[in-house]
Amino acid sequence: VQLQASGGGLVQAGGSLRLSCAASGRTFSSYAVGWFRQAPGKEREFVAAVSWSGGSTYYADSVRGRFTISRDNAKNTVYLQMNSLKPEDTAVYYCAADQESLWEYNYWGQGTKVTVSS
């Protein structure tokens, strides 16, 4: 599967953005999908994940209640709705997919940059 992340940009603190992760292939529903981010000078960190059917979602403590992950298997797309953005959310965001695991991913998309100004 090939992944294409989009939707990043510059937003003021308190604002919102929606990231999209579009996947190629006809078996997208067989992949769990996660979002990760990497801020300058920091290690990549987990943000959110959604199960194969979309029935289960998981979040990092730092984004729970502000971010929502969802998927539309008919459109081969996973979304990350980000509300109440903070300057510390500034990072390059990556989506990843895997057929067997929610926590270890074999397929990665290119990143999309999110910048939150104070």
C-alpha atoms as a PDB file:
ATOM      1  CA  VAL A   1       0.000   0.000   0.000  1.00  0.00           C
ATOM      2  CA  GLN A   2       1.160   3.544  -0.729  1.00  0.00           C
ATOM      3  CA  LEU A   3       0.194   6.406   1.540  1.00  0.00           C
ATOM      4  CA  GLN A   4      -0.119  10.122   0.795  1.00  0.00           C
ATOM      5  CA  ALA A   5      -0.519  12.531   3.703  1.00  0.00           C
ATOM      6  CA  SER A   6      -1.861  16.030   3.168  1.00  0.00           C
ATOM      7  CA  GLY A   7      -3.602  18.899   4.913  1.00  0.00           C
ATOM      8  CA  GLY A   8      -0.783  20.440   6.900  1.00  0.00           C
ATOM      9  CA  GLY A   9      -0.224  24.156   7.098  1.00  0.00           C
ATOM     10  CA  LEU A  10       0.161  27.179   9.325  1.00  0.00           C
ATOM     11  CA  VAL A  11      -2.517  27.872  11.916  1.00  0.00           C
ATOM     12  CA  GLN A  12      -2.826  30.034  14.998  1.00  0.00           C
ATOM     13  CA  ALA A  13      -3.036  28.513  18.444  1.00  0.00           C
ATOM     14  CA  GLY A  14      -6.585  27.441  19.170  1.00  0.00           C
ATOM     15  CA  GLY A  15      -7.294  26.767  15.529  1.00  0.00           C
ATOM     16  CA  SER A  16      -8.058  23.554  13.676  1.00  0.00           C
ATOM     17  CA  LEU A  17      -6.673  21.502  10.821  1.00  0.00           C
ATOM     18  CA  ARG A  18      -7.711  18.235   9.228  1.00  0.00           C
ATOM     19  CA  LEU A  19      -5.032  15.935   7.925  1.00  0.00           C
ATOM     20  CA  SER A  20      -5.794  13.272   5.345  1.00  0.00           C
ATOM     21  CA  CYS A  21      -3.980  10.049   4.576  1.00  0.00           C
ATOM     22  CA  ALA A  22      -4.986   8.650   1.196  1.00  0.00           C
ATOM     23  CA  ALA A  23      -4.036   5.070   0.389  1.00  0.00           C
ATOM     24  CA  SER A  24      -3.680   3.229  -2.866  1.00  0.00           C
ATOM     25  CA  GLY A  25      -4.955  -0.273  -3.380  1.00  0.00           C
ATOM     26  CA  ARG A  26      -8.266  -2.026  -2.975  1.00  0.00           C
ATOM     27  CA  THR A  27      -7.606  -3.678   0.385  1.00  0.00           C
ATOM     28  CA  PHE A  28      -7.299  -0.586   2.522  1.00  0.00           C
ATOM     29  CA  SER A  29      -9.796  -1.930   5.022  1.00  0.00           C
ATOM     30  CA  SER A  30      -7.312  -4.671   5.907  1.00  0.00           C
ATOM     31  CA  TYR A  31      -4.831  -2.117   7.256  1.00  0.00           C
ATOM     32  CA  ALA A  32      -4.730  -0.473  10.638  1.00  0.00           C
ATOM     33  CA  VAL A  33      -3.567   3.134  10.327  1.00  0.00           C
ATOM     34  CA  GLY A  34      -1.691   5.374  12.686  1.00  0.00           C
ATOM     35  CA  TRP A  35      -0.573   8.976  12.802  1.00  0.00           C
ATOM     36  CA  PHE A  36       2.814   9.937  14.183  1.00  0.00           C
ATOM     37  CA  ARG A  37       4.633  13.234  14.452  1.00  0.00           C
ATOM     38  CA  GLN A  38       8.173  14.454  14.748  1.00  0.00           C
ATOM     39  CA  ALA A  39       9.031  17.888  16.044  1.00  0.00           C
ATOM     40  CA  PRO A  40      12.402  19.493  15.281  1.00  0.00           C
ATOM     41  CA  GLY A  41      15.104  17.971  17.413  1.00  0.00           C
ATOM     42  CA  LYS A  42      12.773  15.375  18.896  1.00  0.00           C
ATOM     43  CA  GLU A  43      12.041  11.724  18.304  1.00  0.00           C
ATOM     44  CA  ARG A  44       9.024  10.603  16.389  1.00  0.00           C
ATOM     45  CA  GLU A  45       6.034   9.998  18.625  1.00  0.00           C
ATOM     46  CA  PHE A  46       2.710   8.233  18.361  1.00  0.00           C
ATOM     47  CA  VAL A  47      -0.343  10.461  17.976  1.00  0.00           C
ATOM     48  CA  ALA A  48      -3.357   8.295  17.167  1.00  0.00           C
ATOM     49  CA  ALA A  49      -4.389   4.994  15.599  1.00  0.00           C
ATOM     50  CA  VAL A  50      -7.539   3.487  14.158  1.00  0.00           C
ATOM     51  CA  SER A  51      -8.345  -0.184  13.785  1.00  0.00           C
ATOM     52  CA  TRP A  52      -9.079  -1.953  10.535  1.00  0.00           C
ATOM     53  CA  SER A  53     -12.830  -1.403  10.681  1.00  0.00           C
ATOM     54  CA  GLY A  54     -12.611   1.954  12.375  1.00  0.00           C
ATOM     55  CA  GLY A  55     -14.356   0.612  15.425  1.00  0.00           C
ATOM     56  CA  SER A  56     -11.460   1.231  17.792  1.00  0.00           C
ATOM     57  CA  THR A  57      -9.357   4.334  18.177  1.00  0.00           C
ATOM     58  CA  TYR A  58      -6.363   5.151  20.340  1.00  0.00           C
ATOM     59  CA  TYR A  59      -4.727   8.434  21.269  1.00  0.00           C
ATOM     60  CA  ALA A  60      -1.629   9.774  22.920  1.00  0.00           C
ATOM     61  CA  ASP A  61      -2.421  11.503  26.193  1.00  0.00           C
ATOM     62  CA  SER A  62      -1.147  14.784  24.786  1.00  0.00           C
ATOM     63  CA  VAL A  63      -3.852  14.908  22.093  1.00  0.00           C
ATOM     64  CA  ARG A  64      -6.758  13.011  23.620  1.00  0.00           C
ATOM     65  CA  GLY A  65      -9.865  15.176  23.639  1.00  0.00           C
ATOM     66  CA  ARG A  66      -8.476  17.515  20.988  1.00  0.00           C
ATOM     67  CA  PHE A  67      -7.707  15.201  18.053  1.00  0.00           C
ATOM     68  CA  THR A  68     -10.026  12.709  16.385  1.00  0.00           C
ATOM     69  CA  ILE A  69      -8.933   9.945  14.045  1.00  0.00           C
ATOM     70  CA  SER A  70     -11.427   8.416  11.637  1.00  0.00           C
ATOM     71  CA  ARG A  71     -11.437   6.446   8.428  1.00  0.00           C
ATOM     72  CA  ASP A  72     -13.551   6.127   5.316  1.00  0.00           C
ATOM     73  CA  ASN A  73     -12.684   2.795   3.751  1.00  0.00           C
ATOM     74  CA  ALA A  74     -14.839   3.546   0.718  1.00  0.00           C
ATOM     75  CA  LYS A  75     -12.529   6.489  -0.003  1.00  0.00           C
ATOM     76  CA  ASN A  76      -9.352   4.719   1.132  1.00  0.00           C
ATOM     77  CA  THR A  77      -8.685   7.639   3.452  1.00  0.00           C
ATOM     78  CA  VAL A  78      -7.933   8.180   7.118  1.00  0.00           C
ATOM     79  CA  TYR A  79      -8.421  11.581   8.706  1.00  0.00           C
ATOM     80  CA  LEU A  80      -6.940  13.314  11.707  1.00  0.00           C
ATOM     81  CA  GLN A  81      -9.098  16.193  12.869  1.00  0.00           C
ATOM     82  CA  MET A  82      -7.009  18.447  15.067  1.00  0.00           C
ATOM     83  CA  ASN A  83      -8.786  21.035  17.211  1.00  0.00           C
ATOM     84  CA  SER A  84      -7.572  23.440  19.884  1.00  0.00           C
ATOM     85  CA  LEU A  85      -4.108  23.316  18.416  1.00  0.00           C
ATOM     86  CA  LYS A  86      -1.161  24.354  20.546  1.00  0.00           C
ATOM     87  CA  PRO A  87       2.315  25.512  19.563  1.00  0.00           C
ATOM     88  CA  GLU A  88       3.670  22.217  20.920  1.00  0.00           C
ATOM     89  CA  ASP A  89       1.669  20.401  18.231  1.00  0.00           C
ATOM     90  CA  THR A  90       4.054  21.845  15.656  1.00  0.00           C
ATOM     91  CA  ALA A  91       5.679  18.920  13.843  1.00  0.00           C
ATOM     92  CA  VAL A  92       5.812  16.937  10.668  1.00  0.00           C
ATOM     93  CA  TYR A  93       2.940  14.473  10.759  1.00  0.00           C
ATOM     94  CA  TYR A  94       3.194  11.037   9.166  1.00  0.00           C
ATOM     95  CA  CYS A  95       0.608   8.385   8.535  1.00  0.00           C
ATOM     96  CA  ALA A  96       1.474   4.704   8.587  1.00  0.00           C
ATOM     97  CA  ALA A  97      -0.335   1.448   7.891  1.00  0.00           C
ATOM     98  CA  ASP A  98       0.013  -2.198   8.712  1.00  0.00           C
ATOM     99  CA  GLN A  99      -2.079  -5.299   8.152  1.00  0.00           C
ATOM    100  CA  GLU A 100      -1.187  -7.053  11.379  1.00  0.00           C
ATOM    101  CA  SER A 101      -0.469  -4.496  14.065  1.00  0.00           C
ATOM    102  CA  LEU A 102      -1.869  -1.289  15.484  1.00  0.00           C
ATOM    103  CA  TRP A 103       1.498  -0.416  17.012  1.00  0.00           C
ATOM    104  CA  GLU A 104       4.197  -1.425  14.546  1.00  0.00           C
ATOM    105  CA  TYR A 105       3.885  -0.199  10.984  1.00  0.00           C
ATOM    106  CA  ASN A 106       5.561  -1.365   7.818  1.00  0.00           C
ATOM    107  CA  TYR A 107       4.194   1.238   5.419  1.00  0.00           C
ATOM    108  CA  TRP A 108       4.780   4.946   5.798  1.00  0.00           C
ATOM    109  CA  GLY A 109       3.701   8.003   3.883  1.00  0.00           C
ATOM    110  CA  GLN A 110       5.654  11.188   3.416  1.00  0.00           C
ATOM    111  CA  GLY A 111       5.072  13.796   6.069  1.00  0.00           C
ATOM    112  CA  THR A 112       2.909  16.879   6.079  1.00  0.00           C
ATOM    113  CA  LYS A 113       4.087  19.850   8.099  1.00  0.00           C
ATOM    114  CA  VAL A 114       1.917  21.466  10.738  1.00  0.00           C
ATOM    115  CA  THR A 115       2.980  24.765  12.261  1.00  0.00           C
ATOM    116  CA  VAL A 116       1.010  26.297  15.124  1.00  0.00           C
ATOM    117  CA  SER A 117       1.843  29.895  15.918  1.00  0.00           C
ATOM    118  CA  SER A 118       1.341  31.401  19.371  1.00  0.00           C
END
